[in-house]
N, C-alpha and C. Protein backbone atom coordinates (compact mmCIF):
# COMPACT_ATOMS: atom_id res chain seq x y z
N UNK A 1 -32.64 -43.18 -25.54
CA UNK A 1 -32.34 -44.81 -25.21
C UNK A 1 -33.53 -44.84 -24.05
N UNK A 2 -34.31 -46.12 -24.20
CA UNK A 2 -35.32 -46.96 -23.53
C UNK A 2 -34.45 -47.75 -22.42
N UNK A 3 -34.88 -47.63 -20.86
CA UNK A 3 -34.61 -48.90 -20.34
C UNK A 3 -35.60 -48.54 -19.15
N UNK A 4 -35.40 -49.77 -18.11
CA UNK A 4 -37.00 -49.63 -17.79
C UNK A 4 -35.82 -49.54 -16.18
N UNK A 5 -36.07 -48.32 -15.50
CA UNK A 5 -35.53 -47.88 -14.31
C UNK A 5 -35.93 -48.72 -13.15
N UNK A 6 -36.91 -49.84 -13.39
CA UNK A 6 -37.45 -50.00 -12.05
C UNK A 6 -36.67 -51.54 -11.86
N UNK A 7 -35.60 -52.12 -13.03
CA UNK A 7 -35.34 -53.07 -12.43
C UNK A 7 -33.42 -52.85 -12.55
N UNK A 8 -32.78 -53.53 -12.02
CA UNK A 8 -31.46 -53.28 -11.61
C UNK A 8 -30.67 -53.73 -12.82
N UNK A 9 -31.46 -54.50 -13.95
CA UNK A 9 -30.63 -54.73 -15.21
C UNK A 9 -30.91 -52.98 -16.19
N UNK A 10 -32.12 -52.74 -16.10
CA UNK A 10 -32.12 -51.15 -16.96
C UNK A 10 -31.22 -49.93 -15.88
N UNK A 11 -31.57 -50.18 -14.45
CA UNK A 11 -30.19 -49.07 -14.28
C UNK A 11 -28.77 -49.49 -14.53
N UNK A 12 -28.14 -50.47 -14.32
CA UNK A 12 -27.00 -50.78 -14.93
C UNK A 12 -26.82 -50.76 -16.25
N UNK A 13 -27.72 -50.63 -17.68
CA UNK A 13 -27.87 -50.30 -18.83
C UNK A 13 -27.73 -48.60 -18.55
N UNK A 14 -28.24 -47.79 -18.53
CA UNK A 14 -28.38 -46.26 -18.31
C UNK A 14 -26.76 -45.84 -17.85
N UNK A 15 -26.29 -46.75 -16.42
CA UNK A 15 -25.54 -45.98 -16.35
C UNK A 15 -24.09 -46.78 -16.53
N UNK A 16 -24.19 -47.69 -17.75
CA UNK A 16 -23.07 -48.15 -18.64
C UNK A 16 -23.01 -46.82 -19.71
N UNK A 17 -24.35 -46.39 -20.24
CA UNK A 17 -24.62 -45.40 -21.85
C UNK A 17 -23.62 -44.07 -21.32
N UNK A 18 -24.10 -43.87 -19.73
CA UNK A 18 -23.85 -42.55 -19.53
C UNK A 18 -22.61 -42.45 -19.31
N UNK A 19 -22.04 -43.15 -18.45
CA UNK A 19 -20.23 -43.74 -18.39
C UNK A 19 -19.81 -43.41 -19.52
N UNK A 20 -20.31 -44.39 -20.88
CA UNK A 20 -19.33 -44.59 -22.05
C UNK A 20 -19.19 -43.13 -22.70
N UNK A 21 -20.78 -42.44 -22.85
CA UNK A 21 -20.60 -41.08 -23.19
C UNK A 21 -20.08 -40.05 -22.34
N UNK A 22 -20.57 -39.96 -21.39
CA UNK A 22 -19.60 -38.89 -20.46
C UNK A 22 -18.62 -38.91 -19.68
N UNK A 23 -18.72 -40.06 -19.44
CA UNK A 23 -17.13 -40.60 -18.50
C UNK A 23 -18.09 -40.43 -16.86
N UNK A 24 -17.00 -40.20 -16.03
CA UNK A 24 -17.95 -40.08 -14.22
C UNK A 24 -18.76 -39.45 -14.30
N UNK A 25 -19.99 -40.02 -13.60
CA UNK A 25 -20.80 -39.00 -13.47
C UNK A 25 -21.00 -38.46 -11.85
N UNK A 26 -21.31 -37.37 -11.51
CA UNK A 26 -20.84 -36.74 -10.75
C UNK A 26 -22.97 -36.74 -9.96
N UNK A 27 -23.52 -36.25 -10.93
CA UNK A 27 -25.02 -36.27 -10.20
C UNK A 27 -25.63 -36.92 -11.32
N UNK A 28 -26.58 -37.29 -10.94
CA UNK A 28 -27.85 -37.93 -11.61
C UNK A 28 -29.11 -37.56 -10.89
N UNK A 29 -30.08 -36.91 -11.72
CA UNK A 29 -31.25 -36.35 -11.48
C UNK A 29 -32.07 -37.60 -12.23
N UNK A 30 -33.29 -37.89 -11.20
CA UNK A 30 -34.07 -39.31 -11.59
C UNK A 30 -35.37 -38.11 -11.58
N UNK A 31 -35.90 -38.28 -13.04
CA UNK A 31 -37.41 -37.42 -13.78
C UNK A 31 -38.19 -38.93 -14.57
N UNK A 32 -37.69 -39.90 -14.03
CA UNK A 32 -38.74 -40.96 -14.93
C UNK A 32 -40.25 -41.04 -13.76
N UNK A 33 -41.21 -41.63 -14.75
CA UNK A 33 -42.48 -41.48 -13.71
C UNK A 33 -43.46 -41.51 -14.79
N UNK A 34 -44.70 -42.25 -14.52
CA UNK A 34 -45.65 -42.51 -15.19
C UNK A 34 -46.62 -43.25 -14.32
N UNK A 35 -47.51 -43.88 -14.96
CA UNK A 35 -48.68 -44.26 -13.77
C UNK A 35 -49.00 -45.14 -14.63
N UNK A 36 -49.59 -46.53 -13.89
CA UNK A 36 -50.14 -47.87 -14.79
C UNK A 36 -51.48 -47.79 -14.35
N UNK A 37 -51.80 -46.75 -12.82
CA UNK A 37 -53.14 -46.86 -12.01
C UNK A 37 -54.46 -46.90 -12.71
N UNK A 38 -55.33 -47.79 -12.41
CA UNK A 38 -56.68 -47.50 -12.88
C UNK A 38 -57.44 -46.42 -12.85
N UNK A 39 -58.21 -45.89 -13.42
CA UNK A 39 -59.09 -44.97 -13.42
C UNK A 39 -59.63 -44.38 -11.92
N UNK A 40 -59.69 -45.72 -11.41
CA UNK A 40 -60.14 -44.91 -9.79
C UNK A 40 -59.08 -44.68 -8.76
N UNK A 41 -58.05 -44.50 -9.25
CA UNK A 41 -56.92 -44.48 -8.49
C UNK A 41 -56.00 -44.84 -7.83
N UNK A 42 -55.47 -44.18 -6.58
CA UNK A 42 -54.47 -45.24 -5.80
C UNK A 42 -55.19 -46.12 -5.40
N UNK A 43 -56.44 -45.88 -4.65
CA UNK A 43 -57.11 -46.84 -3.56
C UNK A 43 -57.36 -48.27 -4.73
N UNK A 44 -57.51 -48.14 -5.48
CA UNK A 44 -57.98 -49.14 -6.46
C UNK A 44 -56.56 -50.21 -6.62
N UNK A 45 -55.25 -49.50 -5.99
CA UNK A 45 -54.25 -50.56 -6.32
C UNK A 45 -54.22 -51.58 -5.51
N UNK A 46 -53.70 -53.06 -5.64
CA UNK A 46 -53.53 -53.50 -4.72
C UNK A 46 -51.90 -53.27 -4.60
N UNK A 47 -51.32 -54.30 -3.23
CA UNK A 47 -50.54 -53.85 -2.61
C UNK A 47 -48.92 -54.16 -4.11
N UNK A 48 -49.18 -55.48 -4.94
CA UNK A 48 -48.16 -55.40 -6.35
C UNK A 48 -47.93 -54.06 -7.01
N UNK A 49 -49.11 -53.79 -7.45
CA UNK A 49 -49.52 -52.47 -7.94
C UNK A 49 -48.95 -51.13 -7.11
N UNK A 50 -49.01 -51.14 -5.92
CA UNK A 50 -48.51 -49.73 -5.53
C UNK A 50 -47.25 -50.05 -5.56
N UNK A 51 -46.81 -51.19 -5.05
CA UNK A 51 -45.11 -51.22 -4.91
C UNK A 51 -44.43 -51.04 -6.62
N UNK A 52 -45.24 -51.45 -7.60
CA UNK A 52 -44.95 -50.70 -9.12
C UNK A 52 -45.13 -49.43 -9.59
N UNK A 53 -46.12 -48.45 -8.82
CA UNK A 53 -46.26 -47.47 -8.87
C UNK A 53 -44.93 -46.75 -8.21
N UNK A 54 -44.58 -46.93 -6.67
CA UNK A 54 -43.22 -46.57 -6.39
C UNK A 54 -42.22 -46.47 -6.81
N UNK A 55 -41.55 -47.77 -7.17
CA UNK A 55 -40.85 -48.06 -8.15
C UNK A 55 -40.42 -47.35 -9.07
N UNK A 56 -41.21 -46.95 -10.02
CA UNK A 56 -41.02 -46.13 -10.80
C UNK A 56 -41.29 -44.68 -10.65
N UNK A 57 -42.36 -44.18 -9.96
CA UNK A 57 -42.34 -42.71 -10.09
C UNK A 57 -41.40 -42.14 -8.67
N UNK A 58 -41.29 -42.78 -7.53
CA UNK A 58 -40.43 -41.98 -6.42
C UNK A 58 -38.79 -42.89 -6.39
N UNK A 59 -39.29 -44.08 -6.26
CA UNK A 59 -37.93 -44.80 -5.63
C UNK A 59 -36.82 -45.20 -6.64
N UNK A 60 -37.32 -45.57 -7.82
CA UNK A 60 -36.18 -46.18 -8.90
C UNK A 60 -35.67 -46.84 -8.45
N UNK A 61 -34.30 -47.16 -8.93
CA UNK A 61 -33.59 -48.27 -8.73
C UNK A 61 -31.86 -47.54 -8.01
N UNK A 62 -31.61 -47.06 -6.86
CA UNK A 62 -30.72 -46.40 -6.56
C UNK A 62 -29.18 -47.19 -6.27
N UNK A 63 -29.27 -48.63 -6.93
CA UNK A 63 -28.12 -49.28 -6.41
C UNK A 63 -27.19 -49.14 -7.63
N UNK A 64 -27.28 -48.60 -8.61
CA UNK A 64 -26.60 -48.48 -9.72
C UNK A 64 -25.07 -47.64 -9.13
């Protein structure tokens, strides 16, 4: 399944699909990651890009 784990809708979709297939989830391990950073690395990121990277790579959306 493909879902945007940086958005509440994407997290909700994953939560629904996991519940449908497996029932209640006792543990969820976040292994999503990636980067949209330019070749110059983190120093080249503006604030919006920095927050986008954090949302995808480390924070995810825990409110599901």
